[in-house]
């Protein structure tokens, strides 16, 4: 997990637990490098240190509300970051924030959706999420994880 995560969230750790127990994948390792309040430019600038050195199989790019506070060209920066993440060879999942009534953030969520659709990248939308378990459930659904025995 990389990007901007809410300070109070534990969903990467909760996802790791669910992966190990519910999905019976005890050897999978989940690395959480979320930095609350961090715009996507920070991930781009620190890609090697924050992510690439772990040689991930899956990258969860969490785009939070901090992205809206940055004055840069969000769509171009997001596309550049996605390009660099795809060079790593890892499967990519993008998490879109809850726009929570912000027109600026809603415009960026729309850009995230469009990019995910154009590039066939799984998208987890956090709008209307009620807690970490719902975030985990949406992520498992986006990854199409099948519970053993189902």
N, C-alpha and C. Protein backbone atom coordinates (compact mmCIF):
# COMPACT_ATOMS: atom_id res chain seq x y z
N UNK A 1 0.85 -1.17 0.00
CA UNK A 1 0.00 0.00 0.00
C UNK A 1 0.88 1.22 0.00
N UNK A 2 0.61 2.16 -0.90
CA UNK A 2 1.34 3.41 -0.92
C UNK A 2 0.36 4.54 -1.22
N UNK A 3 0.76 5.74 -0.89
CA UNK A 3 -0.08 6.91 -1.16
C UNK A 3 -0.49 7.59 0.11
N UNK A 4 -1.70 8.15 0.06
CA UNK A 4 -2.24 8.97 1.14
C UNK A 4 -3.35 8.19 1.83
N UNK A 5 -3.08 7.72 3.02
CA UNK A 5 -4.11 7.02 3.77
C UNK A 5 -4.56 7.85 4.95
N UNK A 6 -5.82 7.75 5.31
CA UNK A 6 -6.29 8.45 6.50
C UNK A 6 -5.48 8.02 7.72
N UNK A 7 -5.13 8.96 8.56
CA UNK A 7 -4.29 8.67 9.73
C UNK A 7 -4.90 7.60 10.64
N UNK A 8 -6.21 7.56 10.72
CA UNK A 8 -6.86 6.63 11.64
C UNK A 8 -7.13 5.26 11.03
N UNK A 9 -6.79 5.06 9.78
CA UNK A 9 -7.15 3.80 9.13
C UNK A 9 -6.18 2.67 9.48
N UNK A 10 -6.72 1.50 9.55
CA UNK A 10 -5.91 0.29 9.77
C UNK A 10 -6.22 -0.73 8.68
N UNK A 11 -6.86 -0.28 7.60
CA UNK A 11 -7.32 -1.26 6.63
C UNK A 11 -6.21 -2.03 5.93
N UNK A 12 -5.00 -1.50 5.70
CA UNK A 12 -3.96 -2.36 5.14
C UNK A 12 -3.61 -3.53 6.08
N UNK A 13 -3.55 -3.25 7.37
CA UNK A 13 -3.27 -4.31 8.34
C UNK A 13 -4.44 -5.28 8.44
N UNK A 14 -5.64 -4.75 8.38
CA UNK A 14 -6.83 -5.60 8.43
C UNK A 14 -6.91 -6.46 7.17
N UNK A 15 -6.54 -5.89 6.02
CA UNK A 15 -6.51 -6.66 4.78
C UNK A 15 -5.48 -7.79 4.90
N UNK A 16 -4.31 -7.49 5.46
CA UNK A 16 -3.27 -8.52 5.63
C UNK A 16 -3.80 -9.67 6.49
N UNK A 17 -4.49 -9.35 7.54
CA UNK A 17 -5.06 -10.37 8.43
C UNK A 17 -6.10 -11.21 7.67
N UNK A 18 -6.96 -10.54 6.93
CA UNK A 18 -7.99 -11.27 6.17
C UNK A 18 -7.34 -12.16 5.11
N UNK A 19 -6.31 -11.67 4.47
CA UNK A 19 -5.60 -12.44 3.45
C UNK A 19 -5.03 -13.72 4.06
N UNK A 20 -4.45 -13.59 5.25
CA UNK A 20 -3.81 -14.74 5.89
C UNK A 20 -4.81 -15.73 6.47
N UNK A 21 -5.90 -15.23 7.01
CA UNK A 21 -6.84 -16.11 7.70
C UNK A 21 -7.99 -16.55 6.79
N UNK A 22 -8.80 -15.62 6.36
CA UNK A 22 -9.97 -15.95 5.55
C UNK A 22 -9.60 -16.60 4.23
N UNK A 23 -8.58 -16.04 3.57
CA UNK A 23 -8.21 -16.54 2.24
C UNK A 23 -7.07 -17.56 2.29
N UNK A 24 -6.64 -17.89 3.50
CA UNK A 24 -5.62 -18.94 3.74
C UNK A 24 -4.36 -18.72 2.91
N UNK A 25 -3.83 -17.50 3.01
CA UNK A 25 -2.59 -17.14 2.31
C UNK A 25 -1.59 -16.65 3.36
N UNK A 26 -1.13 -17.54 4.25
CA UNK A 26 -0.30 -17.12 5.38
C UNK A 26 1.09 -16.63 4.99
N UNK A 27 1.55 -16.89 3.80
CA UNK A 27 2.90 -16.48 3.42
C UNK A 27 2.93 -15.14 2.68
N UNK A 28 1.75 -14.59 2.36
CA UNK A 28 1.72 -13.29 1.69
C UNK A 28 2.16 -12.20 2.67
N UNK A 29 2.92 -11.25 2.16
CA UNK A 29 3.41 -10.13 2.97
C UNK A 29 2.75 -8.86 2.45
N UNK A 30 2.22 -8.07 3.36
CA UNK A 30 1.61 -6.80 3.01
C UNK A 30 2.46 -5.70 3.63
N UNK A 31 2.97 -4.81 2.77
CA UNK A 31 3.80 -3.70 3.23
C UNK A 31 2.97 -2.42 3.13
N UNK A 32 2.89 -1.71 4.23
CA UNK A 32 2.09 -0.49 4.31
C UNK A 32 3.02 0.72 4.36
N UNK A 33 3.12 1.44 3.24
CA UNK A 33 3.92 2.66 3.21
C UNK A 33 3.03 3.90 3.03
N UNK A 34 1.77 3.79 3.46
CA UNK A 34 0.87 4.94 3.39
C UNK A 34 1.43 6.07 4.25
N UNK A 35 1.35 7.28 3.73
CA UNK A 35 1.78 8.46 4.47
C UNK A 35 0.59 9.43 4.50
N UNK A 36 -0.11 9.51 5.63
CA UNK A 36 -1.28 10.39 5.71
C UNK A 36 -0.91 11.82 5.33
N UNK A 37 -1.77 12.41 4.50
CA UNK A 37 -1.56 13.79 4.07
C UNK A 37 -0.56 13.94 2.94
N UNK A 38 -0.21 12.84 2.31
CA UNK A 38 0.82 12.84 1.28
C UNK A 38 0.20 12.90 -0.12
N UNK A 39 0.50 13.93 -0.91
CA UNK A 39 -0.02 13.98 -2.28
C UNK A 39 0.68 12.95 -3.16
N UNK A 40 0.10 12.66 -4.32
CA UNK A 40 0.66 11.62 -5.18
C UNK A 40 2.05 12.00 -5.69
N UNK A 41 2.38 13.28 -5.74
CA UNK A 41 3.72 13.68 -6.14
C UNK A 41 4.78 13.09 -5.22
N UNK A 42 4.44 12.95 -3.95
CA UNK A 42 5.37 12.39 -2.98
C UNK A 42 5.68 10.93 -3.30
N UNK A 43 4.66 10.17 -3.70
CA UNK A 43 4.88 8.78 -4.09
C UNK A 43 5.78 8.74 -5.32
N UNK A 44 5.50 9.60 -6.28
CA UNK A 44 6.29 9.65 -7.51
C UNK A 44 7.75 9.99 -7.21
N UNK A 45 7.97 10.97 -6.35
CA UNK A 45 9.33 11.40 -6.01
C UNK A 45 10.09 10.35 -5.21
N UNK A 46 9.38 9.54 -4.44
CA UNK A 46 10.02 8.57 -3.55
C UNK A 46 9.73 7.13 -3.94
N UNK A 47 9.45 6.91 -5.22
CA UNK A 47 8.99 5.60 -5.68
C UNK A 47 9.97 4.48 -5.34
N UNK A 48 11.23 4.69 -5.56
CA UNK A 48 12.22 3.63 -5.30
C UNK A 48 12.25 3.28 -3.81
N UNK A 49 12.35 4.28 -2.97
CA UNK A 49 12.48 4.05 -1.53
C UNK A 49 11.18 3.54 -0.92
N UNK A 50 10.08 4.15 -1.33
CA UNK A 50 8.79 3.83 -0.71
C UNK A 50 8.19 2.52 -1.22
N UNK A 51 8.58 2.10 -2.44
CA UNK A 51 7.86 0.99 -3.03
C UNK A 51 8.72 0.00 -3.80
N UNK A 52 9.46 0.46 -4.78
CA UNK A 52 10.16 -0.44 -5.71
C UNK A 52 11.12 -1.39 -5.02
N UNK A 53 11.76 -0.96 -3.96
CA UNK A 53 12.74 -1.82 -3.28
C UNK A 53 12.11 -3.08 -2.70
N UNK A 54 10.79 -3.10 -2.56
CA UNK A 54 10.11 -4.28 -2.03
C UNK A 54 9.74 -5.29 -3.12
N UNK A 55 9.91 -4.93 -4.39
CA UNK A 55 9.57 -5.80 -5.52
C UNK A 55 8.16 -6.38 -5.37
N UNK A 56 7.16 -5.50 -5.29
CA UNK A 56 5.79 -5.97 -5.03
C UNK A 56 5.18 -6.73 -6.21
N UNK A 57 4.29 -7.65 -5.86
CA UNK A 57 3.49 -8.34 -6.86
C UNK A 57 2.21 -7.55 -7.15
N UNK A 58 1.72 -6.85 -6.13
CA UNK A 58 0.52 -6.03 -6.24
C UNK A 58 0.81 -4.70 -5.56
N UNK A 59 0.40 -3.61 -6.20
CA UNK A 59 0.53 -2.28 -5.61
C UNK A 59 -0.85 -1.68 -5.45
N UNK A 60 -1.17 -1.28 -4.23
CA UNK A 60 -2.41 -0.57 -3.95
C UNK A 60 -2.06 0.90 -3.82
N UNK A 61 -2.43 1.68 -4.83
CA UNK A 61 -2.18 3.12 -4.81
C UNK A 61 -3.40 3.79 -4.20
N UNK A 62 -3.24 4.28 -2.98
CA UNK A 62 -4.34 4.91 -2.25
C UNK A 62 -4.24 6.42 -2.46
N UNK A 63 -5.23 6.96 -3.14
CA UNK A 63 -5.27 8.40 -3.38
C UNK A 63 -6.29 8.98 -2.41
N UNK A 64 -5.80 9.79 -1.51
CA UNK A 64 -6.65 10.36 -0.49
C UNK A 64 -6.94 11.82 -0.72
N UNK A 65 -7.58 12.45 0.25
CA UNK A 65 -7.98 13.85 0.11
C UNK A 65 -6.80 14.81 -0.06
N UNK A 66 -5.61 14.44 0.33
CA UNK A 66 -4.46 15.34 0.18
C UNK A 66 -4.18 15.64 -1.28
N UNK A 67 -4.59 14.75 -2.18
CA UNK A 67 -4.36 14.98 -3.60
C UNK A 67 -5.05 16.26 -4.06
N UNK A 68 -6.20 16.56 -3.48
CA UNK A 68 -6.96 17.74 -3.90
C UNK A 68 -6.32 19.04 -3.44
N UNK A 69 -5.49 18.97 -2.42
CA UNK A 69 -4.90 20.20 -1.89
C UNK A 69 -3.69 20.65 -2.69
N UNK A 70 -3.25 19.83 -3.63
CA UNK A 70 -2.07 20.17 -4.42
C UNK A 70 -2.49 20.94 -5.66
N UNK A 71 -1.69 21.93 -6.06
CA UNK A 71 -2.04 22.78 -7.19
C UNK A 71 -1.54 22.26 -8.53
N UNK A 72 -0.85 21.14 -8.55
CA UNK A 72 -0.26 20.65 -9.79
C UNK A 72 -1.33 20.06 -10.72
N UNK A 73 -0.90 19.64 -11.88
CA UNK A 73 -1.79 19.00 -12.83
C UNK A 73 -2.01 17.56 -12.38
N UNK A 74 -3.07 17.33 -11.66
CA UNK A 74 -3.33 16.04 -11.05
C UNK A 74 -3.37 14.91 -12.07
N UNK A 75 -4.10 15.10 -13.17
CA UNK A 75 -4.26 14.03 -14.16
C UNK A 75 -2.91 13.62 -14.76
N UNK A 76 -2.08 14.59 -15.08
CA UNK A 76 -0.77 14.29 -15.68
C UNK A 76 0.14 13.59 -14.67
N UNK A 77 0.12 14.04 -13.43
CA UNK A 77 0.95 13.42 -12.40
C UNK A 77 0.48 12.00 -12.13
N UNK A 78 -0.84 11.79 -12.06
CA UNK A 78 -1.39 10.46 -11.85
C UNK A 78 -0.98 9.53 -12.99
N UNK A 79 -1.10 9.99 -14.23
CA UNK A 79 -0.73 9.16 -15.37
C UNK A 79 0.76 8.81 -15.33
N UNK A 80 1.59 9.77 -14.97
CA UNK A 80 3.03 9.52 -14.88
C UNK A 80 3.33 8.49 -13.78
N UNK A 81 2.66 8.64 -12.64
CA UNK A 81 2.86 7.69 -11.54
C UNK A 81 2.41 6.29 -11.94
N UNK A 82 1.25 6.18 -12.58
CA UNK A 82 0.74 4.88 -13.01
C UNK A 82 1.70 4.26 -14.02
N UNK A 83 2.23 5.07 -14.94
CA UNK A 83 3.22 4.55 -15.90
C UNK A 83 4.40 3.94 -15.17
N UNK A 84 4.92 4.64 -14.17
CA UNK A 84 6.10 4.15 -13.44
C UNK A 84 5.76 2.93 -12.61
N UNK A 85 4.58 2.89 -12.04
CA UNK A 85 4.17 1.72 -11.25
C UNK A 85 4.02 0.50 -12.16
N UNK A 86 3.51 0.69 -13.36
CA UNK A 86 3.33 -0.43 -14.27
C UNK A 86 4.67 -0.96 -14.78
N UNK A 87 5.68 -0.12 -14.82
CA UNK A 87 7.03 -0.57 -15.21
C UNK A 87 7.56 -1.58 -14.19
N UNK A 88 7.11 -1.48 -12.94
CA UNK A 88 7.55 -2.41 -11.90
C UNK A 88 7.08 -3.84 -12.18
N UNK A 89 6.08 -3.99 -13.03
CA UNK A 89 5.57 -5.31 -13.35
C UNK A 89 4.57 -5.85 -12.35
N UNK A 90 4.19 -5.03 -11.40
CA UNK A 90 3.22 -5.45 -10.39
C UNK A 90 1.80 -5.16 -10.88
N UNK A 91 0.86 -5.96 -10.42
CA UNK A 91 -0.55 -5.65 -10.67
C UNK A 91 -0.87 -4.39 -9.88
N UNK A 92 -1.66 -3.52 -10.45
CA UNK A 92 -1.97 -2.24 -9.83
C UNK A 92 -3.45 -2.16 -9.50
N UNK A 93 -3.74 -1.65 -8.31
CA UNK A 93 -5.10 -1.35 -7.88
C UNK A 93 -5.09 0.09 -7.41
N UNK A 94 -6.06 0.87 -7.88
CA UNK A 94 -6.14 2.27 -7.47
C UNK A 94 -7.33 2.44 -6.53
N UNK A 95 -7.09 3.16 -5.45
CA UNK A 95 -8.13 3.48 -4.47
C UNK A 95 -8.49 4.95 -4.63
N UNK A 96 -9.75 5.25 -4.89
CA UNK A 96 -10.21 6.63 -5.05
C UNK A 96 -10.84 7.11 -3.74
N UNK A 97 -10.58 8.37 -3.38
CA UNK A 97 -11.12 8.89 -2.12
C UNK A 97 -12.61 9.20 -2.21
N UNK A 98 -13.19 9.40 -1.06
CA UNK A 98 -14.56 9.89 -0.96
C UNK A 98 -14.51 11.39 -1.21
N UNK A 99 -15.18 11.91 -2.25
CA UNK A 99 -15.11 13.34 -2.52
C UNK A 99 -15.75 14.18 -1.43
N UNK A 100 -16.62 13.59 -0.65
CA UNK A 100 -17.20 14.24 0.53
C UNK A 100 -17.67 15.66 0.26
N UNK A 101 -18.33 15.85 -0.89
CA UNK A 101 -18.91 17.15 -1.21
C UNK A 101 -17.97 18.17 -1.83
N UNK A 102 -16.70 17.84 -1.99
CA UNK A 102 -15.74 18.76 -2.58
C UNK A 102 -15.79 18.64 -4.11
N UNK A 103 -16.09 19.75 -4.79
CA UNK A 103 -16.13 19.74 -6.25
C UNK A 103 -14.75 19.44 -6.84
N UNK A 104 -13.71 20.01 -6.24
CA UNK A 104 -12.34 19.78 -6.72
C UNK A 104 -11.96 18.31 -6.59
N UNK A 105 -12.27 17.72 -5.43
CA UNK A 105 -11.95 16.31 -5.23
C UNK A 105 -12.81 15.43 -6.12
N UNK A 106 -14.07 15.80 -6.34
CA UNK A 106 -14.94 15.03 -7.24
C UNK A 106 -14.37 15.02 -8.65
N UNK A 107 -13.84 16.15 -9.11
CA UNK A 107 -13.24 16.21 -10.44
C UNK A 107 -12.04 15.26 -10.52
N UNK A 108 -11.27 15.19 -9.45
CA UNK A 108 -10.13 14.29 -9.44
C UNK A 108 -10.56 12.83 -9.37
N UNK A 109 -11.61 12.53 -8.63
CA UNK A 109 -12.14 11.17 -8.59
C UNK A 109 -12.60 10.77 -9.99
N UNK A 110 -13.22 11.69 -10.71
CA UNK A 110 -13.64 11.41 -12.09
C UNK A 110 -12.43 11.11 -12.97
N UNK A 111 -11.33 11.86 -12.78
CA UNK A 111 -10.10 11.61 -13.54
C UNK A 111 -9.51 10.24 -13.19
N UNK A 112 -9.57 9.87 -11.91
CA UNK A 112 -9.09 8.56 -11.47
C UNK A 112 -9.92 7.46 -12.14
N UNK A 113 -11.23 7.61 -12.12
CA UNK A 113 -12.12 6.62 -12.75
C UNK A 113 -11.80 6.46 -14.24
N UNK A 114 -11.65 7.60 -14.92
CA UNK A 114 -11.38 7.56 -16.36
C UNK A 114 -10.06 6.85 -16.65
N UNK A 115 -9.04 7.17 -15.89
CA UNK A 115 -7.73 6.53 -16.10
C UNK A 115 -7.83 5.03 -15.83
N UNK A 116 -8.49 4.66 -14.74
CA UNK A 116 -8.64 3.23 -14.40
C UNK A 116 -9.41 2.50 -15.49
N UNK A 117 -10.44 3.11 -16.01
CA UNK A 117 -11.24 2.50 -17.07
C UNK A 117 -10.43 2.35 -18.36
N UNK A 118 -9.74 3.42 -18.76
CA UNK A 118 -8.95 3.38 -20.00
C UNK A 118 -7.84 2.34 -19.94
N UNK A 119 -7.26 2.15 -18.77
CA UNK A 119 -6.11 1.23 -18.66
C UNK A 119 -6.49 -0.11 -18.04
N UNK A 120 -7.77 -0.33 -17.82
CA UNK A 120 -8.26 -1.59 -17.24
C UNK A 120 -7.58 -1.90 -15.91
N UNK A 121 -7.53 -0.90 -15.04
CA UNK A 121 -6.94 -1.05 -13.71
C UNK A 121 -8.09 -1.18 -12.71
N UNK A 122 -8.06 -2.19 -11.84
CA UNK A 122 -9.11 -2.29 -10.82
C UNK A 122 -9.16 -1.03 -9.97
N UNK A 123 -10.37 -0.59 -9.68
CA UNK A 123 -10.60 0.62 -8.91
C UNK A 123 -11.43 0.30 -7.67
N UNK A 124 -10.96 0.78 -6.53
CA UNK A 124 -11.71 0.65 -5.28
C UNK A 124 -12.14 2.05 -4.88
N UNK A 125 -13.45 2.27 -4.86
CA UNK A 125 -13.96 3.59 -4.49
C UNK A 125 -14.30 3.59 -3.01
N UNK A 126 -13.84 4.63 -2.33
CA UNK A 126 -14.07 4.73 -0.90
C UNK A 126 -15.22 5.66 -0.53
N UNK A 127 -15.97 6.13 -1.52
CA UNK A 127 -17.13 6.97 -1.25
C UNK A 127 -18.16 6.17 -0.46
N UNK A 128 -18.64 6.75 0.59
CA UNK A 128 -19.67 6.11 1.40
C UNK A 128 -19.20 4.95 2.24
N UNK A 129 -17.90 4.76 2.34
CA UNK A 129 -17.37 3.64 3.14
C UNK A 129 -17.62 3.90 4.61
N UNK A 130 -18.06 2.83 5.28
CA UNK A 130 -18.34 2.92 6.71
C UNK A 130 -17.36 2.03 7.45
N UNK A 131 -16.10 2.46 7.54
CA UNK A 131 -15.12 1.73 8.33
C UNK A 131 -14.17 0.89 7.51
N UNK A 132 -13.13 0.44 8.20
CA UNK A 132 -12.06 -0.31 7.56
C UNK A 132 -12.51 -1.64 6.99
N UNK A 133 -13.45 -2.33 7.64
CA UNK A 133 -13.89 -3.63 7.12
C UNK A 133 -14.55 -3.46 5.76
N UNK A 134 -15.30 -2.40 5.58
CA UNK A 134 -15.91 -2.17 4.26
C UNK A 134 -14.84 -1.85 3.22
N UNK A 135 -13.78 -1.14 3.61
CA UNK A 135 -12.66 -0.91 2.69
C UNK A 135 -12.03 -2.24 2.28
N UNK A 136 -11.81 -3.11 3.26
CA UNK A 136 -11.24 -4.43 2.98
C UNK A 136 -12.16 -5.23 2.06
N UNK A 137 -13.44 -5.21 2.33
CA UNK A 137 -14.39 -5.96 1.50
C UNK A 137 -14.38 -5.45 0.06
N UNK A 138 -14.33 -4.13 -0.11
CA UNK A 138 -14.30 -3.57 -1.47
C UNK A 138 -13.00 -3.95 -2.18
N UNK A 139 -11.90 -3.95 -1.45
CA UNK A 139 -10.62 -4.33 -2.05
C UNK A 139 -10.64 -5.81 -2.46
N UNK A 140 -11.12 -6.68 -1.60
CA UNK A 140 -11.20 -8.11 -1.93
C UNK A 140 -12.08 -8.34 -3.15
N UNK A 141 -13.16 -7.57 -3.25
CA UNK A 141 -14.05 -7.68 -4.40
C UNK A 141 -13.32 -7.20 -5.66
N UNK A 142 -12.60 -6.08 -5.59
CA UNK A 142 -11.87 -5.56 -6.75
C UNK A 142 -10.79 -6.54 -7.21
N UNK A 143 -10.17 -7.23 -6.25
CA UNK A 143 -9.13 -8.22 -6.59
C UNK A 143 -9.72 -9.56 -7.01
N UNK A 144 -11.04 -9.67 -6.88
CA UNK A 144 -11.77 -10.90 -7.21
C UNK A 144 -11.24 -12.10 -6.42
N UNK A 145 -10.95 -11.84 -5.16
CA UNK A 145 -10.50 -12.92 -4.29
C UNK A 145 -11.68 -13.83 -3.98
N UNK A 146 -11.45 -15.12 -4.07
CA UNK A 146 -12.49 -16.10 -3.79
C UNK A 146 -12.19 -16.74 -2.44
N UNK A 147 -13.18 -16.74 -1.59
CA UNK A 147 -13.03 -17.41 -0.29
C UNK A 147 -12.90 -18.91 -0.53
N UNK A 148 -11.98 -19.56 0.18
CA UNK A 148 -11.85 -21.01 0.03
C UNK A 148 -13.20 -21.70 0.31
N UNK A 149 -13.51 -22.65 -0.55
CA UNK A 149 -14.75 -23.41 -0.37
C UNK A 149 -15.96 -22.74 -0.99
N UNK A 150 -15.78 -21.57 -1.64
CA UNK A 150 -16.96 -20.93 -2.25
C UNK A 150 -16.89 -20.96 -3.74
